[in-house]
Amino acid sequence: MRTELIGLDVEVLSAPYSGISGKVVDETKNTFTIESAGTEKMVPKPGNVFRFVMQEGKIDLEGSDILFRPEDRIKKVR
């Protein structure tokens, strides 16, 4: 997954964060900040499964597979 995730719609599929859905407003190496129902919720990447809505459709990603800083993940495209 070598694309920008900030701005995408996301849903958290794993407990105890399941049911959180909204737009990714910030990303660090270990967390996503998701704007949901007017509030921002910080969700850790490790141990969670995320469903992103992209132009190509929906994609499910394990948080442990995307444990990179956003700028490092995008650089790996080259």
N, C-alpha and C. Protein backbone atom coordinates (compact mmCIF):
# COMPACT_ATOMS: atom_id res chain seq x y z
N MET A 1 0.86 -1.17 0.00
CA MET A 1 0.00 0.00 0.00
C MET A 1 0.89 1.22 0.00
N ARG A 2 1.11 1.77 -1.16
CA ARG A 2 2.03 2.90 -1.30
C ARG A 2 1.31 4.12 -1.83
N THR A 3 0.31 4.53 -1.12
CA THR A 3 -0.45 5.70 -1.52
C THR A 3 -0.77 6.53 -0.30
N GLU A 4 -1.20 7.73 -0.52
CA GLU A 4 -1.59 8.62 0.58
C GLU A 4 -2.91 8.14 1.16
N LEU A 5 -2.96 7.96 2.47
CA LEU A 5 -4.18 7.47 3.13
C LEU A 5 -4.97 8.61 3.77
N ILE A 6 -4.31 9.74 4.02
CA ILE A 6 -5.00 10.89 4.60
C ILE A 6 -6.03 11.39 3.60
N GLY A 7 -7.24 11.57 4.09
CA GLY A 7 -8.34 12.03 3.23
C GLY A 7 -9.25 10.91 2.78
N LEU A 8 -8.82 9.65 2.95
CA LEU A 8 -9.66 8.53 2.54
C LEU A 8 -10.69 8.19 3.62
N ASP A 9 -11.81 7.65 3.19
CA ASP A 9 -12.79 7.13 4.14
C ASP A 9 -12.30 5.78 4.64
N VAL A 10 -12.49 5.53 5.94
CA VAL A 10 -11.97 4.32 6.55
C VAL A 10 -12.97 3.80 7.58
N GLU A 11 -12.94 2.50 7.77
CA GLU A 11 -13.74 1.84 8.81
C GLU A 11 -12.82 0.88 9.55
N VAL A 12 -12.88 0.88 10.88
CA VAL A 12 -12.07 -0.04 11.68
C VAL A 12 -12.90 -1.30 11.88
N LEU A 13 -12.31 -2.46 11.56
CA LEU A 13 -13.05 -3.72 11.59
C LEU A 13 -12.79 -4.55 12.84
N SER A 14 -11.78 -4.22 13.62
CA SER A 14 -11.42 -5.08 14.76
C SER A 14 -11.75 -4.42 16.09
N ALA A 15 -12.14 -5.27 17.05
CA ALA A 15 -12.49 -4.81 18.40
C ALA A 15 -11.22 -4.37 19.11
N PRO A 16 -11.25 -3.47 20.02
CA PRO A 16 -12.39 -2.75 20.58
C PRO A 16 -12.74 -1.49 19.79
N TYR A 17 -12.10 -1.28 18.66
CA TYR A 17 -12.34 -0.07 17.88
C TYR A 17 -13.35 -0.27 16.76
N SER A 18 -13.91 -1.47 16.64
CA SER A 18 -14.83 -1.75 15.54
C SER A 18 -16.00 -0.77 15.58
N GLY A 19 -16.44 -0.40 14.42
CA GLY A 19 -17.55 0.54 14.32
C GLY A 19 -17.11 1.97 14.13
N ILE A 20 -15.84 2.28 14.39
CA ILE A 20 -15.35 3.63 14.14
C ILE A 20 -15.17 3.78 12.64
N SER A 21 -15.79 4.77 12.08
CA SER A 21 -15.62 5.03 10.65
C SER A 21 -15.63 6.53 10.42
N GLY A 22 -15.01 6.94 9.37
CA GLY A 22 -14.93 8.35 9.05
C GLY A 22 -13.80 8.60 8.07
N LYS A 23 -13.22 9.78 8.15
CA LYS A 23 -12.16 10.19 7.23
C LYS A 23 -10.84 10.28 7.99
N VAL A 24 -9.78 9.77 7.39
CA VAL A 24 -8.45 9.85 7.99
C VAL A 24 -7.99 11.31 7.88
N VAL A 25 -7.72 11.94 9.03
CA VAL A 25 -7.27 13.33 9.02
C VAL A 25 -5.80 13.47 9.38
N ASP A 26 -5.19 12.43 9.96
CA ASP A 26 -3.77 12.46 10.28
C ASP A 26 -3.27 11.02 10.40
N GLU A 27 -1.97 10.85 10.15
CA GLU A 27 -1.36 9.53 10.25
C GLU A 27 0.04 9.68 10.80
N THR A 28 0.39 8.81 11.73
CA THR A 28 1.76 8.71 12.20
C THR A 28 2.23 7.28 11.92
N LYS A 29 3.42 6.95 12.37
CA LYS A 29 3.94 5.60 12.15
C LYS A 29 3.03 4.55 12.78
N ASN A 30 2.47 4.85 13.95
CA ASN A 30 1.72 3.85 14.69
C ASN A 30 0.23 4.13 14.84
N THR A 31 -0.27 5.26 14.38
CA THR A 31 -1.68 5.59 14.59
C THR A 31 -2.32 6.27 13.39
N PHE A 32 -3.65 6.17 13.35
CA PHE A 32 -4.47 6.98 12.45
C PHE A 32 -5.33 7.87 13.33
N THR A 33 -5.56 9.10 12.92
CA THR A 33 -6.55 9.95 13.55
C THR A 33 -7.72 10.01 12.59
N ILE A 34 -8.88 9.58 13.07
CA ILE A 34 -10.07 9.46 12.23
C ILE A 34 -11.12 10.44 12.72
N GLU A 35 -11.62 11.28 11.82
CA GLU A 35 -12.71 12.19 12.17
C GLU A 35 -14.01 11.43 12.00
N SER A 36 -14.73 11.28 13.11
CA SER A 36 -15.95 10.48 13.12
C SER A 36 -17.00 11.23 13.92
N ALA A 37 -18.12 11.54 13.30
CA ALA A 37 -19.24 12.21 13.96
C ALA A 37 -18.82 13.50 14.65
N GLY A 38 -17.96 14.27 13.99
CA GLY A 38 -17.56 15.56 14.53
C GLY A 38 -16.46 15.52 15.56
N THR A 39 -15.97 14.33 15.91
CA THR A 39 -14.86 14.21 16.86
C THR A 39 -13.71 13.47 16.19
N GLU A 40 -12.52 13.68 16.72
CA GLU A 40 -11.35 12.98 16.20
C GLU A 40 -10.96 11.87 17.17
N LYS A 41 -10.76 10.67 16.63
CA LYS A 41 -10.40 9.52 17.44
C LYS A 41 -9.08 8.96 16.94
N MET A 42 -8.16 8.72 17.88
CA MET A 42 -6.87 8.16 17.53
C MET A 42 -6.93 6.65 17.69
N VAL A 43 -6.60 5.93 16.61
CA VAL A 43 -6.68 4.47 16.60
C VAL A 43 -5.29 3.91 16.28
N PRO A 44 -4.77 3.01 17.12
CA PRO A 44 -3.46 2.43 16.83
C PRO A 44 -3.52 1.49 15.62
N LYS A 45 -2.45 1.47 14.84
CA LYS A 45 -2.38 0.58 13.69
C LYS A 45 -2.18 -0.88 14.10
N PRO A 46 -1.20 -1.17 14.99
CA PRO A 46 -0.97 -2.58 15.32
C PRO A 46 -2.19 -3.24 15.96
N GLY A 47 -2.51 -4.42 15.48
CA GLY A 47 -3.61 -5.18 16.06
C GLY A 47 -4.98 -4.83 15.52
N ASN A 48 -5.05 -3.95 14.54
CA ASN A 48 -6.34 -3.56 13.98
C ASN A 48 -6.37 -3.79 12.47
N VAL A 49 -7.57 -3.99 11.96
CA VAL A 49 -7.79 -4.15 10.52
C VAL A 49 -8.62 -2.95 10.06
N PHE A 50 -8.19 -2.34 8.97
CA PHE A 50 -8.83 -1.14 8.45
C PHE A 50 -9.38 -1.41 7.06
N ARG A 51 -10.57 -0.90 6.77
CA ARG A 51 -11.16 -0.99 5.43
C ARG A 51 -11.19 0.42 4.85
N PHE A 52 -10.41 0.61 3.78
CA PHE A 52 -10.32 1.90 3.11
C PHE A 52 -11.19 1.89 1.87
N VAL A 53 -11.85 3.01 1.61
CA VAL A 53 -12.65 3.17 0.40
C VAL A 53 -11.82 4.00 -0.57
N MET A 54 -11.47 3.37 -1.70
CA MET A 54 -10.64 4.02 -2.71
C MET A 54 -11.40 4.05 -4.03
N GLN A 55 -10.84 4.70 -5.02
CA GLN A 55 -11.49 4.76 -6.33
C GLN A 55 -11.65 3.37 -6.92
N GLU A 56 -10.70 2.48 -6.65
CA GLU A 56 -10.73 1.12 -7.19
C GLU A 56 -11.71 0.23 -6.45
N GLY A 57 -12.20 0.69 -5.31
CA GLY A 57 -13.10 -0.11 -4.49
C GLY A 57 -12.64 -0.12 -3.04
N LYS A 58 -13.08 -1.11 -2.30
CA LYS A 58 -12.70 -1.21 -0.89
C LYS A 58 -11.52 -2.16 -0.74
N ILE A 59 -10.64 -1.80 0.19
CA ILE A 59 -9.47 -2.63 0.44
C ILE A 59 -9.29 -2.76 1.96
N ASP A 60 -9.05 -3.99 2.42
CA ASP A 60 -8.81 -4.24 3.83
C ASP A 60 -7.32 -4.39 4.06
N LEU A 61 -6.81 -3.68 5.08
CA LEU A 61 -5.38 -3.73 5.39
C LEU A 61 -5.17 -4.01 6.87
N GLU A 62 -4.22 -4.88 7.16
CA GLU A 62 -3.78 -5.10 8.54
C GLU A 62 -2.93 -3.90 8.94
N GLY A 63 -3.17 -3.37 10.12
CA GLY A 63 -2.39 -2.24 10.59
C GLY A 63 -0.92 -2.54 10.67
N SER A 64 -0.57 -3.78 11.01
CA SER A 64 0.85 -4.15 11.13
C SER A 64 1.56 -4.14 9.76
N ASP A 65 0.80 -4.21 8.67
CA ASP A 65 1.40 -4.18 7.33
C ASP A 65 1.72 -2.76 6.88
N ILE A 66 1.19 -1.76 7.58
CA ILE A 66 1.41 -0.37 7.17
C ILE A 66 2.05 0.44 8.30
N LEU A 67 2.90 -0.21 9.09
CA LEU A 67 3.60 0.47 10.18
C LEU A 67 4.79 1.25 9.65
N PHE A 68 4.51 2.28 8.90
CA PHE A 68 5.53 3.17 8.36
C PHE A 68 5.06 4.60 8.56
N ARG A 69 6.00 5.50 8.62
CA ARG A 69 5.60 6.90 8.56
C ARG A 69 5.06 7.12 7.15
N PRO A 70 4.06 7.97 6.99
CA PRO A 70 3.46 8.15 5.66
C PRO A 70 4.49 8.52 4.60
N GLU A 71 5.42 9.41 4.94
CA GLU A 71 6.40 9.84 3.95
C GLU A 71 7.35 8.71 3.56
N ASP A 72 7.65 7.79 4.47
CA ASP A 72 8.51 6.65 4.14
C ASP A 72 7.78 5.65 3.26
N ARG A 73 6.50 5.42 3.53
CA ARG A 73 5.73 4.47 2.74
C ARG A 73 5.60 4.96 1.30
N ILE A 74 5.36 6.24 1.12
CA ILE A 74 5.18 6.79 -0.21
C ILE A 74 6.49 6.78 -0.98
N LYS A 75 7.63 7.01 -0.32
CA LYS A 75 8.94 7.00 -0.98
C LYS A 75 9.27 5.65 -1.57
N LYS A 76 8.74 4.56 -1.01
CA LYS A 76 9.07 3.22 -1.46
C LYS A 76 8.52 2.92 -2.85
N VAL A 77 7.77 3.84 -3.42
CA VAL A 77 7.21 3.65 -4.76
C VAL A 77 8.32 3.58 -5.78
N ARG A 78 9.37 4.32 -5.57
CA ARG A 78 10.45 4.40 -6.57
C ARG A 78 11.27 3.16 -6.62
